[in-house]
Amino acid sequence: METKLYVGNLPYTATEEELQSMFAGAGTVKTVTVVRDRDTGRSRGFAFVEMETQADAQKAISMMNGKDLGGRALTVNMARPREERSGGKPGGSRGRSGGSRDRDY
């Protein structure tokens, strides 16, 4: 039973506390996570809200989808499982290996 919601089209100024109080009207909120850029710390414009029960999650979707927040209509639906990213090296390395550059050719 999935109770995690995706909340999109957030204003960049939206906070966890603000979302917590908004979604509390639909039921018990377990967690709120505003997704932020890892380099700048700025909101990426979406969040995840986990509700206590499936019924609370459905009620939150009904109440909050399309609701105006900071001049933006929220998109609220059930969160999909995270997809695996492709193209990365195992271990998360993004650059060259640390090997020696002095080679005999």
Protein backbone atom coordinates (compact mmCIF):
# COMPACT_ATOMS: atom_id res chain seq x y z
CA MET A 1 0.00 0.00 0.00
CA GLU A 2 1.69 3.11 -1.26
CA THR A 3 1.27 6.29 0.75
CA LYS A 4 4.04 8.43 -0.77
CA LEU A 5 2.89 11.34 -2.90
CA TYR A 6 4.70 13.35 -5.55
CA VAL A 7 4.00 17.08 -5.29
CA GLY A 8 5.07 19.01 -8.37
CA ASN A 9 4.97 22.57 -9.72
CA LEU A 10 5.99 23.95 -6.32
CA PRO A 11 7.13 27.53 -6.01
CA TYR A 12 10.85 27.56 -5.22
CA THR A 13 10.08 29.25 -1.89
CA ALA A 14 7.90 26.38 -0.57
CA THR A 15 9.15 24.80 2.66
CA GLU A 16 8.70 21.44 4.36
CA GLU A 17 6.81 23.16 7.19
CA GLU A 18 4.40 24.84 4.77
CA LEU A 19 3.64 21.55 3.00
CA GLN A 20 3.30 19.73 6.33
CA SER A 21 0.58 22.12 7.48
CA MET A 22 -1.21 22.06 4.11
CA PHE A 23 -1.31 18.26 3.85
CA ALA A 24 -2.25 17.80 7.52
CA GLY A 25 -5.78 18.78 6.52
CA ALA A 26 -6.04 15.46 4.67
CA GLY A 27 -4.70 13.29 7.50
CA THR A 28 -1.54 12.38 9.36
CA VAL A 29 1.65 13.36 7.53
CA LYS A 30 4.63 11.06 8.20
CA THR A 31 7.35 12.88 6.23
CA VAL A 32 7.82 15.83 3.89
CA THR A 33 10.91 16.20 1.69
CA VAL A 34 11.41 19.18 -0.61
CA VAL A 35 13.94 18.03 -3.21
CA ARG A 36 16.86 20.45 -3.45
CA ASP A 37 19.76 20.91 -5.86
CA ARG A 38 22.82 19.35 -4.24
CA ASP A 39 25.14 22.17 -5.36
CA THR A 40 23.02 25.28 -4.67
CA GLY A 41 20.57 24.00 -2.04
CA ARG A 42 17.74 25.64 -4.00
CA SER A 43 14.44 23.81 -4.32
CA ARG A 44 14.01 21.90 -7.57
CA GLY A 45 10.27 22.62 -7.60
CA PHE A 46 8.96 19.30 -6.34
CA ALA A 47 8.60 17.36 -3.12
CA PHE A 48 7.51 14.04 -1.67
CA VAL A 49 4.90 13.81 1.07
CA GLU A 50 4.30 10.52 2.86
CA MET A 51 0.91 10.10 4.47
CA GLU A 52 0.04 7.71 7.31
CA THR A 53 -2.57 5.67 5.44
CA GLN A 54 -3.69 4.93 1.89
CA ALA A 55 -6.99 6.69 2.63
CA ASP A 56 -5.13 9.81 3.79
CA ALA A 57 -3.02 9.73 0.61
CA GLN A 58 -6.13 9.52 -1.61
CA LYS A 59 -7.80 12.33 0.34
CA ALA A 60 -4.67 14.49 -0.02
CA ILE A 61 -4.64 13.95 -3.80
CA SER A 62 -8.31 14.96 -4.00
CA MET A 63 -7.80 18.04 -1.84
CA MET A 64 -4.44 19.28 -3.12
CA ASN A 65 -4.17 18.42 -6.83
CA GLY A 66 -4.67 21.71 -8.70
CA LYS A 67 -4.62 23.79 -5.50
CA ASP A 68 -2.89 27.16 -5.83
CA LEU A 69 0.31 27.70 -3.88
CA GLY A 70 2.26 30.88 -4.54
CA GLY A 71 0.51 31.42 -7.88
CA ARG A 72 1.18 27.87 -9.10
CA ALA A 73 -1.29 25.00 -9.47
CA LEU A 74 0.11 21.99 -7.62
CA THR A 75 0.35 18.58 -9.24
CA VAL A 76 -0.26 15.86 -6.66
CA ASN A 77 -0.32 12.14 -7.41
CA MET A 78 1.05 8.84 -6.17
CA ALA A 79 4.84 8.73 -6.34
CA ARG A 80 6.31 6.23 -8.78
CA PRO A 81 9.25 4.04 -7.76
CA ARG A 82 12.61 5.63 -8.47
CA GLU A 83 14.05 4.54 -11.81
CA GLU A 84 17.60 3.35 -12.13
CA ARG A 85 19.90 5.82 -13.85
CA SER A 86 22.05 4.67 -16.72
CA GLY A 87 25.41 5.78 -18.00
CA GLY A 88 27.23 5.96 -14.69
CA LYS A 89 30.22 3.91 -13.67
CA PRO A 90 29.89 1.50 -10.77
CA GLY A 91 30.78 3.22 -7.53
CA GLY A 92 29.59 6.61 -8.76
CA SER A 93 32.88 7.78 -10.26
CA ARG A 94 32.40 10.71 -12.61
CA GLY A 95 35.93 11.46 -13.67
CA ARG A 96 39.10 9.76 -14.71
CA SER A 97 40.52 6.94 -12.72
CA GLY A 98 43.29 7.82 -10.32
CA GLY A 99 45.84 5.72 -12.16
CA SER A 100 49.31 6.81 -13.14
CA ARG A 101 49.70 8.89 -16.27
CA ASP A 102 53.35 7.90 -16.77
CA ARG A 103 53.18 5.07 -19.24
CA ASP A 104 55.82 3.46 -21.37
CA TYR A 105 54.59 3.09 -24.93
